[in-house]
Amino acid sequence: MYGLLGQIIATPGARDRLAAILVEGTADMPGCISYVVAYDMEDADALWVTEVWKDRESHAASLDLPAVKAAIAEARPLIAGFRNRHETLPIAGAGLPEDAG
């Protein structure tokens, strides 16, 4: 399995719209086990995206999906920057396959 945790900083006042684009553009991604978009509780312009994938290749392939490319293009003007990007190796958790680790 392959995991990503990242913080995206929206341009001022654009966080809600950015979150909506990320959620809408990331449905039906083969190999995606979990994709969560969350508000940062301390920064009104920040979002956290937590992803769990079958494998690294599934994540890479998702970047070529038309819906994901369209979401990236629409979201790009609303993104001020990125912070805290971490790759992870999921080992267990609610909703994950039993053989995650």
PDB file of N, CA and C in Angstrom:
ATOM      1  N   MET A   1       0.840  -1.181   0.000  1.00  0.00           N
ATOM      2  CA  MET A   1       0.000   0.000   0.000  1.00  0.00           C
ATOM      3  C   MET A   1       0.879   1.236   0.000  1.00  0.00           C
ATOM      4  N   TYR A   2       0.250   2.350  -0.315  1.00  0.00           N
ATOM      5  CA  TYR A   2       0.972   3.615  -0.429  1.00  0.00           C
ATOM      6  C   TYR A   2       0.079   4.717   0.133  1.00  0.00           C
ATOM      7  N   GLY A   3       0.637   5.591   0.939  1.00  0.00           N
ATOM      8  CA  GLY A   3      -0.127   6.687   1.507  1.00  0.00           C
ATOM      9  C   GLY A   3       0.529   8.033   1.287  1.00  0.00           C
ATOM     10  N   LEU A   4      -0.295   9.049   1.247  1.00  0.00           N
ATOM     11  CA  LEU A   4       0.169  10.433   1.138  1.00  0.00           C
ATOM     12  C   LEU A   4      -0.608  11.281   2.131  1.00  0.00           C
ATOM     13  N   LEU A   5       0.075  12.215   2.723  1.00  0.00           N
ATOM     14  CA  LEU A   5      -0.536  13.193   3.607  1.00  0.00           C
ATOM     15  C   LEU A   5       0.042  14.542   3.199  1.00  0.00           C
ATOM     16  N   GLY A   6      -0.836  15.465   2.849  1.00  0.00           N
ATOM     17  CA  GLY A   6      -0.329  16.765   2.409  1.00  0.00           C
ATOM     18  C   GLY A   6      -1.238  17.902   2.808  1.00  0.00           C
ATOM     19  N   GLN A   7      -0.636  19.055   2.967  1.00  0.00           N
ATOM     20  CA  GLN A   7      -1.364  20.262   3.317  1.00  0.00           C
ATOM     21  C   GLN A   7      -1.311  21.208   2.129  1.00  0.00           C
ATOM     22  N   ILE A   8      -2.482  21.662   1.716  1.00  0.00           N
ATOM     23  CA  ILE A   8      -2.599  22.602   0.603  1.00  0.00           C
ATOM     24  C   ILE A   8      -3.091  23.932   1.165  1.00  0.00           C
ATOM     25  N   ILE A   9      -2.454  25.004   0.765  1.00  0.00           N
ATOM     26  CA  ILE A   9      -2.846  26.344   1.210  1.00  0.00           C
ATOM     27  C   ILE A   9      -3.596  27.024   0.067  1.00  0.00           C
ATOM     28  N   ALA A  10      -4.841  27.377   0.324  1.00  0.00           N
ATOM     29  CA  ALA A  10      -5.662  28.059  -0.671  1.00  0.00           C
ATOM     30  C   ALA A  10      -5.361  29.553  -0.668  1.00  0.00           C
ATOM     31  N   THR A  11      -5.659  30.194  -1.782  1.00  0.00           N
ATOM     32  CA  THR A  11      -5.598  31.651  -1.796  1.00  0.00           C
ATOM     33  C   THR A  11      -6.666  32.152  -0.822  1.00  0.00           C
ATOM     34  N   PRO A  12      -6.491  33.333  -0.232  1.00  0.00           N
ATOM     35  CA  PRO A  12      -7.435  33.815   0.773  1.00  0.00           C
ATOM     36  C   PRO A  12      -8.890  33.754   0.294  1.00  0.00           C
ATOM     37  N   GLY A  13      -9.729  33.136   1.111  1.00  0.00           N
ATOM     38  CA  GLY A  13     -11.154  33.039   0.815  1.00  0.00           C
ATOM     39  C   GLY A  13     -11.556  31.937  -0.150  1.00  0.00           C
ATOM     40  N   ALA A  14     -10.604  31.155  -0.653  1.00  0.00           N
ATOM     41  CA  ALA A  14     -10.906  30.148  -1.674  1.00  0.00           C
ATOM     42  C   ALA A  14     -10.908  28.713  -1.145  1.00  0.00           C
ATOM     43  N   ARG A  15     -10.742  28.536   0.158  1.00  0.00           N
ATOM     44  CA  ARG A  15     -10.608  27.182   0.686  1.00  0.00           C
ATOM     45  C   ARG A  15     -11.833  26.307   0.409  1.00  0.00           C
ATOM     46  N   ASP A  16     -13.033  26.808   0.593  1.00  0.00           N
ATOM     47  CA  ASP A  16     -14.235  25.999   0.370  1.00  0.00           C
ATOM     48  C   ASP A  16     -14.343  25.554  -1.086  1.00  0.00           C
ATOM     49  N   ARG A  17     -14.102  26.464  -1.988  1.00  0.00           N
ATOM     50  CA  ARG A  17     -14.181  26.119  -3.416  1.00  0.00           C
ATOM     51  C   ARG A  17     -13.094  25.113  -3.775  1.00  0.00           C
ATOM     52  N   LEU A  18     -11.891  25.308  -3.280  1.00  0.00           N
ATOM     53  CA  LEU A  18     -10.802  24.372  -3.542  1.00  0.00           C
ATOM     54  C   LEU A  18     -11.154  22.986  -3.020  1.00  0.00           C
ATOM     55  N   ALA A  19     -11.697  22.916  -1.817  1.00  0.00           N
ATOM     56  CA  ALA A  19     -12.094  21.622  -1.248  1.00  0.00           C
ATOM     57  C   ALA A  19     -13.133  20.945  -2.137  1.00  0.00           C
ATOM     58  N   ALA A  20     -14.104  21.693  -2.603  1.00  0.00           N
ATOM     59  CA  ALA A  20     -15.148  21.126  -3.461  1.00  0.00           C
ATOM     60  C   ALA A  20     -14.561  20.570  -4.758  1.00  0.00           C
ATOM     61  N   ILE A  21     -13.633  21.288  -5.346  1.00  0.00           N
ATOM     62  CA  ILE A  21     -12.987  20.819  -6.580  1.00  0.00           C
ATOM     63  C   ILE A  21     -12.229  19.525  -6.321  1.00  0.00           C
ATOM     64  N   LEU A  22     -11.494  19.474  -5.228  1.00  0.00           N
ATOM     65  CA  LEU A  22     -10.722  18.273  -4.907  1.00  0.00           C
ATOM     66  C   LEU A  22     -11.634  17.068  -4.685  1.00  0.00           C
ATOM     67  N   VAL A  23     -12.751  17.276  -4.028  1.00  0.00           N
ATOM     68  CA  VAL A  23     -13.679  16.174  -3.768  1.00  0.00           C
ATOM     69  C   VAL A  23     -14.367  15.730  -5.063  1.00  0.00           C
ATOM     70  N   GLU A  24     -14.852  16.681  -5.842  1.00  0.00           N
ATOM     71  CA  GLU A  24     -15.565  16.363  -7.084  1.00  0.00           C
ATOM     72  C   GLU A  24     -14.669  15.674  -8.094  1.00  0.00           C
ATOM     73  N   GLY A  25     -13.429  16.113  -8.197  1.00  0.00           N
ATOM     74  CA  GLY A  25     -12.539  15.619  -9.242  1.00  0.00           C
ATOM     75  C   GLY A  25     -11.822  14.330  -8.913  1.00  0.00           C
ATOM     76  N   THR A  26     -12.095  13.773  -7.733  1.00  0.00           N
ATOM     77  CA  THR A  26     -11.323  12.600  -7.329  1.00  0.00           C
ATOM     78  C   THR A  26     -12.190  11.385  -7.027  1.00  0.00           C
ATOM     79  N   ALA A  27     -13.414  11.392  -7.500  1.00  0.00           N
ATOM     80  CA  ALA A  27     -14.257  10.200  -7.356  1.00  0.00           C
ATOM     81  C   ALA A  27     -13.808   9.170  -8.396  1.00  0.00           C
ATOM     82  N   ASP A  28     -14.042   7.908  -8.099  1.00  0.00           N
ATOM     83  CA  ASP A  28     -13.784   6.841  -9.078  1.00  0.00           C
ATOM     84  C   ASP A  28     -12.342   6.803  -9.566  1.00  0.00           C
ATOM     85  N   MET A  29     -11.411   6.712  -8.641  1.00  0.00           N
ATOM     86  CA  MET A  29     -10.000   6.571  -8.992  1.00  0.00           C
ATOM     87  C   MET A  29      -9.583   5.121  -8.722  1.00  0.00           C
ATOM     88  N   PRO A  30      -9.308   4.356  -9.769  1.00  0.00           N
ATOM     89  CA  PRO A  30      -8.909   2.959  -9.557  1.00  0.00           C
ATOM     90  C   PRO A  30      -7.692   2.848  -8.635  1.00  0.00           C
ATOM     91  N   GLY A  31      -7.780   1.935  -7.680  1.00  0.00           N
ATOM     92  CA  GLY A  31      -6.681   1.727  -6.742  1.00  0.00           C
ATOM     93  C   GLY A  31      -6.723   2.619  -5.525  1.00  0.00           C
ATOM     94  N   CYS A  32      -7.649   3.578  -5.481  1.00  0.00           N
ATOM     95  CA  CYS A  32      -7.755   4.475  -4.332  1.00  0.00           C
ATOM     96  C   CYS A  32      -8.617   3.814  -3.267  1.00  0.00           C
ATOM     97  N   ILE A  33      -8.055   3.631  -2.100  1.00  0.00           N
ATOM     98  CA  ILE A  33      -8.767   3.028  -0.979  1.00  0.00           C
ATOM     99  C   ILE A  33      -9.415   4.109  -0.125  1.00  0.00           C
ATOM    100  N   SER A  34      -8.748   5.234   0.018  1.00  0.00           N
ATOM    101  CA  SER A  34      -9.279   6.327   0.823  1.00  0.00           C
ATOM    102  C   SER A  34      -8.713   7.650   0.318  1.00  0.00           C
ATOM    103  N   TYR A  35      -9.584   8.649   0.201  1.00  0.00           N
ATOM    104  CA  TYR A  35      -9.174   9.997  -0.190  1.00  0.00           C
ATOM    105  C   TYR A  35     -10.001  10.949   0.660  1.00  0.00           C
ATOM    106  N   VAL A  36      -9.369  11.609   1.616  1.00  0.00           N
ATOM    107  CA  VAL A  36     -10.068  12.463   2.566  1.00  0.00           C
ATOM    108  C   VAL A  36      -9.541  13.897   2.439  1.00  0.00           C
ATOM    109  N   VAL A  37     -10.461  14.831   2.273  1.00  0.00           N
ATOM    110  CA  VAL A  37     -10.136  16.256   2.270  1.00  0.00           C
ATOM    111  C   VAL A  37     -10.688  16.824   3.569  1.00  0.00           C
ATOM    112  N   ALA A  38      -9.848  17.529   4.333  1.00  0.00           N
ATOM    113  CA  ALA A  38     -10.259  18.047   5.639  1.00  0.00           C
ATOM    114  C   ALA A  38      -9.793  19.490   5.815  1.00  0.00           C
ATOM    115  N   TYR A  39     -10.590  20.259   6.541  1.00  0.00           N
ATOM    116  CA  TYR A  39     -10.199  21.617   6.901  1.00  0.00           C
ATOM    117  C   TYR A  39      -9.160  21.583   8.008  1.00  0.00           C
ATOM    118  N   ASP A  40      -8.160  22.439   7.912  1.00  0.00           N
ATOM    119  CA  ASP A  40      -7.214  22.641   9.007  1.00  0.00           C
ATOM    120  C   ASP A  40      -7.931  23.485  10.057  1.00  0.00           C
ATOM    121  N   MET A  41      -7.877  23.054  11.290  1.00  0.00           N
ATOM    122  CA  MET A  41      -8.586  23.752  12.371  1.00  0.00           C
ATOM    123  C   MET A  41      -7.871  25.022  12.850  1.00  0.00           C
ATOM    124  N   GLU A  42      -6.618  25.221  12.437  1.00  0.00           N
ATOM    125  CA  GLU A  42      -5.860  26.383  12.901  1.00  0.00           C
ATOM    126  C   GLU A  42      -5.562  27.407  11.811  1.00  0.00           C
ATOM    127  N   ASP A  43      -5.745  27.014  10.554  1.00  0.00           N
ATOM    128  CA  ASP A  43      -5.430  27.906   9.435  1.00  0.00           C
ATOM    129  C   ASP A  43      -6.638  27.947   8.501  1.00  0.00           C
ATOM    130  N   ALA A  44      -7.295  29.081   8.431  1.00  0.00           N
ATOM    131  CA  ALA A  44      -8.530  29.233   7.657  1.00  0.00           C
ATOM    132  C   ALA A  44      -8.337  29.064   6.156  1.00  0.00           C
ATOM    133  N   ASP A  45      -7.100  29.047   5.691  1.00  0.00           N
ATOM    134  CA  ASP A  45      -6.837  28.870   4.266  1.00  0.00           C
ATOM    135  C   ASP A  45      -6.260  27.492   3.938  1.00  0.00           C
ATOM    136  N   ALA A  46      -6.125  26.623   4.933  1.00  0.00           N
ATOM    137  CA  ALA A  46      -5.436  25.351   4.708  1.00  0.00           C
ATOM    138  C   ALA A  46      -6.382  24.156   4.679  1.00  0.00           C
ATOM    139  N   LEU A  47      -6.009  23.200   3.829  1.00  0.00           N
ATOM    140  CA  LEU A  47      -6.681  21.904   3.726  1.00  0.00           C
ATOM    141  C   LEU A  47      -5.645  20.811   3.939  1.00  0.00           C
ATOM    142  N   TRP A  48      -6.089  19.684   4.470  1.00  0.00           N
ATOM    143  CA  TRP A  48      -5.267  18.484   4.543  1.00  0.00           C
ATOM    144  C   TRP A  48      -5.878  17.448   3.615  1.00  0.00           C
ATOM    145  N   VAL A  49      -5.060  16.778   2.859  1.00  0.00           N
ATOM    146  CA  VAL A  49      -5.514  15.676   2.009  1.00  0.00           C
ATOM    147  C   VAL A  49      -4.762  14.432   2.458  1.00  0.00           C
ATOM    148  N   THR A  50      -5.537  13.413   2.825  1.00  0.00           N
ATOM    149  CA  THR A  50      -4.981  12.140   3.271  1.00  0.00           C
ATOM    150  C   THR A  50      -5.421  11.079   2.274  1.00  0.00           C
ATOM    151  N   GLU A  51      -4.457  10.365   1.702  1.00  0.00           N
ATOM    152  CA  GLU A  51      -4.752   9.380   0.667  1.00  0.00           C
ATOM    153  C   GLU A  51      -4.166   8.023   1.027  1.00  0.00           C
ATOM    154  N   VAL A  52      -4.901   6.960   0.698  1.00  0.00           N
ATOM    155  CA  VAL A  52      -4.391   5.602   0.801  1.00  0.00           C
ATOM    156  C   VAL A  52      -4.683   4.926  -0.533  1.00  0.00           C
ATOM    157  N   TRP A  53      -3.641   4.332  -1.093  1.00  0.00           N
ATOM    158  CA  TRP A  53      -3.710   3.701  -2.412  1.00  0.00           C
ATOM    159  C   TRP A  53      -3.283   2.245  -2.334  1.00  0.00           C
ATOM    160  N   LYS A  54      -3.769   1.472  -3.266  1.00  0.00           N
ATOM    161  CA  LYS A  54      -3.360   0.071  -3.376  1.00  0.00           C
ATOM    162  C   LYS A  54      -1.846  -0.020  -3.479  1.00  0.00           C
ATOM    163  N   ASP A  55      -1.271   0.876  -4.278  1.00  0.00           N
ATOM    164  CA  ASP A  55       0.176   0.923  -4.448  1.00  0.00           C
ATOM    165  C   ASP A  55       0.563   2.266  -5.065  1.00  0.00           C
ATOM    166  N   ARG A  56       1.846   2.535  -5.106  1.00  0.00           N
ATOM    167  CA  ARG A  56       2.363   3.801  -5.644  1.00  0.00           C
ATOM    168  C   ARG A  56       1.964   3.982  -7.117  1.00  0.00           C
ATOM    169  N   GLU A  57       1.940   2.885  -7.855  1.00  0.00           N
ATOM    170  CA  GLU A  57       1.613   2.951  -9.282  1.00  0.00           C
ATOM    171  C   GLU A  57       0.163   3.395  -9.501  1.00  0.00           C
ATOM    172  N   SER A  58      -0.745   2.962  -8.634  1.00  0.00           N
ATOM    173  CA  SER A  58      -2.141   3.396  -8.744  1.00  0.00           C
ATOM    174  C   SER A  58      -2.251   4.907  -8.552  1.00  0.00           C
ATOM    175  N   HIS A  59      -1.505   5.426  -7.593  1.00  0.00           N
ATOM    176  CA  HIS A  59      -1.511   6.879  -7.396  1.00  0.00           C
ATOM    177  C   HIS A  59      -0.969   7.592  -8.629  1.00  0.00           C
ATOM    178  N   ALA A  60       0.149   7.125  -9.146  1.00  0.00           N
ATOM    179  CA  ALA A  60       0.747   7.753 -10.335  1.00  0.00           C
ATOM    180  C   ALA A  60      -0.218   7.711 -11.519  1.00  0.00           C
ATOM    181  N   ALA A  61      -0.896   6.583 -11.699  1.00  0.00           N
ATOM    182  CA  ALA A  61      -1.833   6.449 -12.814  1.00  0.00           C
ATOM    183  C   ALA A  61      -3.028   7.394 -12.665  1.00  0.00           C
ATOM    184  N   SER A  62      -3.410   7.690 -11.426  1.00  0.00           N
ATOM    185  CA  SER A  62      -4.556   8.582 -11.208  1.00  0.00           C
ATOM    186  C   SER A  62      -4.302   9.974 -11.771  1.00  0.00           C
ATOM    187  N   LEU A  63      -3.064  10.377 -11.812  1.00  0.00           N
ATOM    188  CA  LEU A  63      -2.731  11.720 -12.301  1.00  0.00           C
ATOM    189  C   LEU A  63      -2.967  11.864 -13.801  1.00  0.00           C
ATOM    190  N   ASP A  64      -3.176  10.741 -14.497  1.00  0.00           N
ATOM    191  CA  ASP A  64      -3.471  10.773 -15.927  1.00  0.00           C
ATOM    192  C   ASP A  64      -4.965  10.658 -16.231  1.00  0.00           C
ATOM    193  N   LEU A  65      -5.793  10.477 -15.211  1.00  0.00           N
ATOM    194  CA  LEU A  65      -7.237  10.390 -15.426  1.00  0.00           C
ATOM    195  C   LEU A  65      -7.791  11.749 -15.848  1.00  0.00           C
ATOM    196  N   PRO A  66      -8.679  11.786 -16.860  1.00  0.00           N
ATOM    197  CA  PRO A  66      -9.234  13.066 -17.318  1.00  0.00           C
ATOM    198  C   PRO A  66      -9.876  13.885 -16.195  1.00  0.00           C
ATOM    199  N   ALA A  67     -10.624  13.244 -15.301  1.00  0.00           N
ATOM    200  CA  ALA A  67     -11.282  13.991 -14.217  1.00  0.00           C
ATOM    201  C   ALA A  67     -10.263  14.598 -13.258  1.00  0.00           C
ATOM    202  N   VAL A  68      -9.190  13.877 -13.002  1.00  0.00           N
ATOM    203  CA  VAL A  68      -8.153  14.390 -12.101  1.00  0.00           C
ATOM    204  C   VAL A  68      -7.393  15.527 -12.774  1.00  0.00           C
ATOM    205  N   LYS A  69      -7.070  15.373 -14.043  1.00  0.00           N
ATOM    206  CA  LYS A  69      -6.392  16.458 -14.775  1.00  0.00           C
ATOM    207  C   LYS A  69      -7.250  17.714 -14.796  1.00  0.00           C
ATOM    208  N   ALA A  70      -8.557  17.548 -15.013  1.00  0.00           N
ATOM    209  CA  ALA A  70      -9.464  18.703 -15.030  1.00  0.00           C
ATOM    210  C   ALA A  70      -9.535  19.361 -13.659  1.00  0.00           C
ATOM    211  N   ALA A  71      -9.583  18.548 -12.603  1.00  0.00           N
ATOM    212  CA  ALA A  71      -9.628  19.103 -11.240  1.00  0.00           C
ATOM    213  C   ALA A  71      -8.351  19.876 -10.930  1.00  0.00           C
ATOM    214  N   ILE A  72      -7.213  19.332 -11.322  1.00  0.00           N
ATOM    215  CA  ILE A  72      -5.941  20.020 -11.092  1.00  0.00           C
ATOM    216  C   ILE A  72      -5.923  21.361 -11.820  1.00  0.00           C
ATOM    217  N   ALA A  73      -6.377  21.371 -13.069  1.00  0.00           N
ATOM    218  CA  ALA A  73      -6.391  22.614 -13.852  1.00  0.00           C
ATOM    219  C   ALA A  73      -7.322  23.651 -13.228  1.00  0.00           C
ATOM    220  N   GLU A  74      -8.477  23.208 -12.750  1.00  0.00           N
ATOM    221  CA  GLU A  74      -9.427  24.135 -12.135  1.00  0.00           C
ATOM    222  C   GLU A  74      -8.935  24.630 -10.777  1.00  0.00           C
ATOM    223  N   ALA A  75      -8.272  23.754 -10.040  1.00  0.00           N
ATOM    224  CA  ALA A  75      -7.818  24.096  -8.691  1.00  0.00           C
ATOM    225  C   ALA A  75      -6.566  24.968  -8.682  1.00  0.00           C
ATOM    226  N   ARG A  76      -5.709  24.807  -9.664  1.00  0.00           N
ATOM    227  CA  ARG A  76      -4.404  25.484  -9.663  1.00  0.00           C
ATOM    228  C   ARG A  76      -4.476  26.977  -9.323  1.00  0.00           C
ATOM    229  N   PRO A  77      -5.400  27.768  -9.916  1.00  0.00           N
ATOM    230  CA  PRO A  77      -5.426  29.199  -9.574  1.00  0.00           C
ATOM    231  C   PRO A  77      -5.838  29.490  -8.127  1.00  0.00           C
ATOM    232  N   LEU A  78      -6.435  28.507  -7.454  1.00  0.00           N
ATOM    233  CA  LEU A  78      -6.893  28.696  -6.076  1.00  0.00           C
ATOM    234  C   LEU A  78      -5.864  28.255  -5.048  1.00  0.00           C
ATOM    235  N   ILE A  79      -4.730  27.731  -5.512  1.00  0.00           N
ATOM    236  CA  ILE A  79      -3.701  27.211  -4.613  1.00  0.00           C
ATOM    237  C   ILE A  79      -2.587  28.237  -4.431  1.00  0.00           C
ATOM    238  N   ALA A  80      -2.375  28.631  -3.187  1.00  0.00           N
ATOM    239  CA  ALA A  80      -1.294  29.565  -2.874  1.00  0.00           C
ATOM    240  C   ALA A  80       0.017  28.828  -2.641  1.00  0.00           C
ATOM    241  N   GLY A  81      -0.076  27.565  -2.202  1.00  0.00           N
ATOM    242  CA  GLY A  81       1.140  26.803  -1.946  1.00  0.00           C
ATOM    243  C   GLY A  81       0.840  25.485  -1.270  1.00  0.00           C
ATOM    244  N   PHE A  82       1.920  24.780  -0.959  1.00  0.00           N
ATOM    245  CA  PHE A  82       1.834  23.468  -0.318  1.00  0.00           C
ATOM    246  C   PHE A  82       2.751  23.458   0.895  1.00  0.00           C
ATOM    247  N   ARG A  83       2.356  22.699   1.917  1.00  0.00           N
ATOM    248  CA  ARG A  83       3.191  22.482   3.098  1.00  0.00           C
ATOM    249  C   ARG A  83       3.086  21.008   3.472  1.00  0.00           C
ATOM    250  N   ASN A  84       4.055  20.513   4.141  1.00  0.00           N
ATOM    251  CA  ASN A  84       3.953  19.218   4.797  1.00  0.00           C
ATOM    252  C   ASN A  84       3.459  18.081   3.901  1.00  0.00           C
ATOM    253  N   ARG A  85       4.219  17.711   2.903  1.00  0.00           N
ATOM    254  CA  ARG A  85       3.864  16.550   2.087  1.00  0.00           C
ATOM    255  C   ARG A  85       4.685  15.364   2.579  1.00  0.00           C
ATOM    256  N   HIS A  86       3.974  14.295   2.941  1.00  0.00           N
ATOM    257  CA  HIS A  86       4.647  13.113   3.469  1.00  0.00           C
ATOM    258  C   HIS A  86       4.112  11.858   2.793  1.00  0.00           C
ATOM    259  N   GLU A  87       5.009  10.984   2.395  1.00  0.00           N
ATOM    260  CA  GLU A  87       4.633   9.670   1.902  1.00  0.00           C
ATOM    261  C   GLU A  87       4.609   8.725   3.096  1.00  0.00           C
ATOM    262  N   THR A  88       3.635   7.808   3.104  1.00  0.00           N
ATOM    263  CA  THR A  88       3.510   6.886   4.216  1.00  0.00           C
ATOM    264  C   THR A  88       3.319   5.456   3.707  1.00  0.00           C
ATOM    265  N   LEU A  89       3.476   4.516   4.610  1.00  0.00           N
ATOM    266  CA  LEU A  89       3.196   3.108   4.347  1.00  0.00           C
ATOM    267  C   LEU A  89       2.094   2.688   5.312  1.00  0.00           C
ATOM    268  N   PRO A  90       0.818   2.737   4.864  1.00  0.00           N
ATOM    269  CA  PRO A  90      -0.284   2.357   5.752  1.00  0.00           C
ATOM    270  C   PRO A  90      -0.117   0.907   6.209  1.00  0.00           C
ATOM    271  N   ILE A  91      -0.349   0.677   7.516  1.00  0.00           N
ATOM    272  CA  ILE A  91      -0.205  -0.680   8.037  1.00  0.00           C
ATOM    273  C   ILE A  91      -1.508  -1.245   8.596  1.00  0.00           C
ATOM    274  N   ALA A  92      -2.436  -0.398   9.040  1.00  0.00           N
ATOM    275  CA  ALA A  92      -3.709  -0.868   9.574  1.00  0.00           C
ATOM    276  C   ALA A  92      -4.619   0.321   9.793  1.00  0.00           C
ATOM    277  N   GLY A  93      -5.910   0.047   9.819  1.00  0.00           N
ATOM    278  CA  GLY A  93      -6.853   1.104  10.112  1.00  0.00           C
ATOM    279  C   GLY A  93      -8.256   0.737   9.655  1.00  0.00           C
ATOM    280  N   ALA A  94      -9.243   1.421  10.195  1.00  0.00           N
ATOM    281  CA  ALA A  94     -10.629   1.194   9.821  1.00  0.00           C
ATOM    282  C   ALA A  94     -10.787   1.409   8.327  1.00  0.00           C
ATOM    283  N   GLY A  95     -11.401   0.454   7.648  1.00  0.00           N
ATOM    284  CA  GLY A  95     -11.635   0.559   6.217  1.00  0.00           C
ATOM    285  C   GLY A  95     -10.510   0.055   5.344  1.00  0.00           C
ATOM    286  N   LEU A  96      -9.343  -0.200   5.918  1.00  0.00           N
ATOM    287  CA  LEU A  96      -8.223  -0.710   5.133  1.00  0.00           C
ATOM    288  C   LEU A  96      -8.313  -2.228   5.036  1.00  0.00           C
ATOM    289  N   PRO A  97      -7.791  -2.785   3.955  1.00  0.00           N
ATOM    290  CA  PRO A  97      -7.763  -4.247   3.860  1.00  0.00           C
ATOM    291  C   PRO A  97      -6.994  -4.851   5.028  1.00  0.00           C
ATOM    292  N   GLU A  98      -7.377  -6.043   5.443  1.00  0.00           N
ATOM    293  CA  GLU A  98      -6.715  -6.687   6.592  1.00  0.00           C
ATOM    294  C   GLU A  98      -5.237  -6.944   6.355  1.00  0.00           C
ATOM    295  N   ASP A  99      -4.840  -7.093   5.108  1.00  0.00           N
ATOM    296  CA  ASP A  99      -3.437  -7.359   4.785  1.00  0.00           C
ATOM    297  C   ASP A  99      -2.667  -6.084   4.467  1.00  0.00           C
ATOM    298  N   ALA A 100      -3.111  -4.932   5.041  1.00  0.00           N
ATOM    299  CA  ALA A 100      -2.506  -3.634   4.738  1.00  0.00           C
ATOM    300  C   ALA A 100      -1.028  -3.588   5.065  1.00  0.00           C
ATOM    301  N   GLY A 101      -0.609  -4.176   6.150  1.00  0.00           N
ATOM    302  CA  GLY A 101       0.764  -4.052   6.584  1.00  0.00           C
ATOM    303  C   GLY A 101       1.630  -5.066   5.941  1.00  0.00           C
TER     304      GLY A 101
END
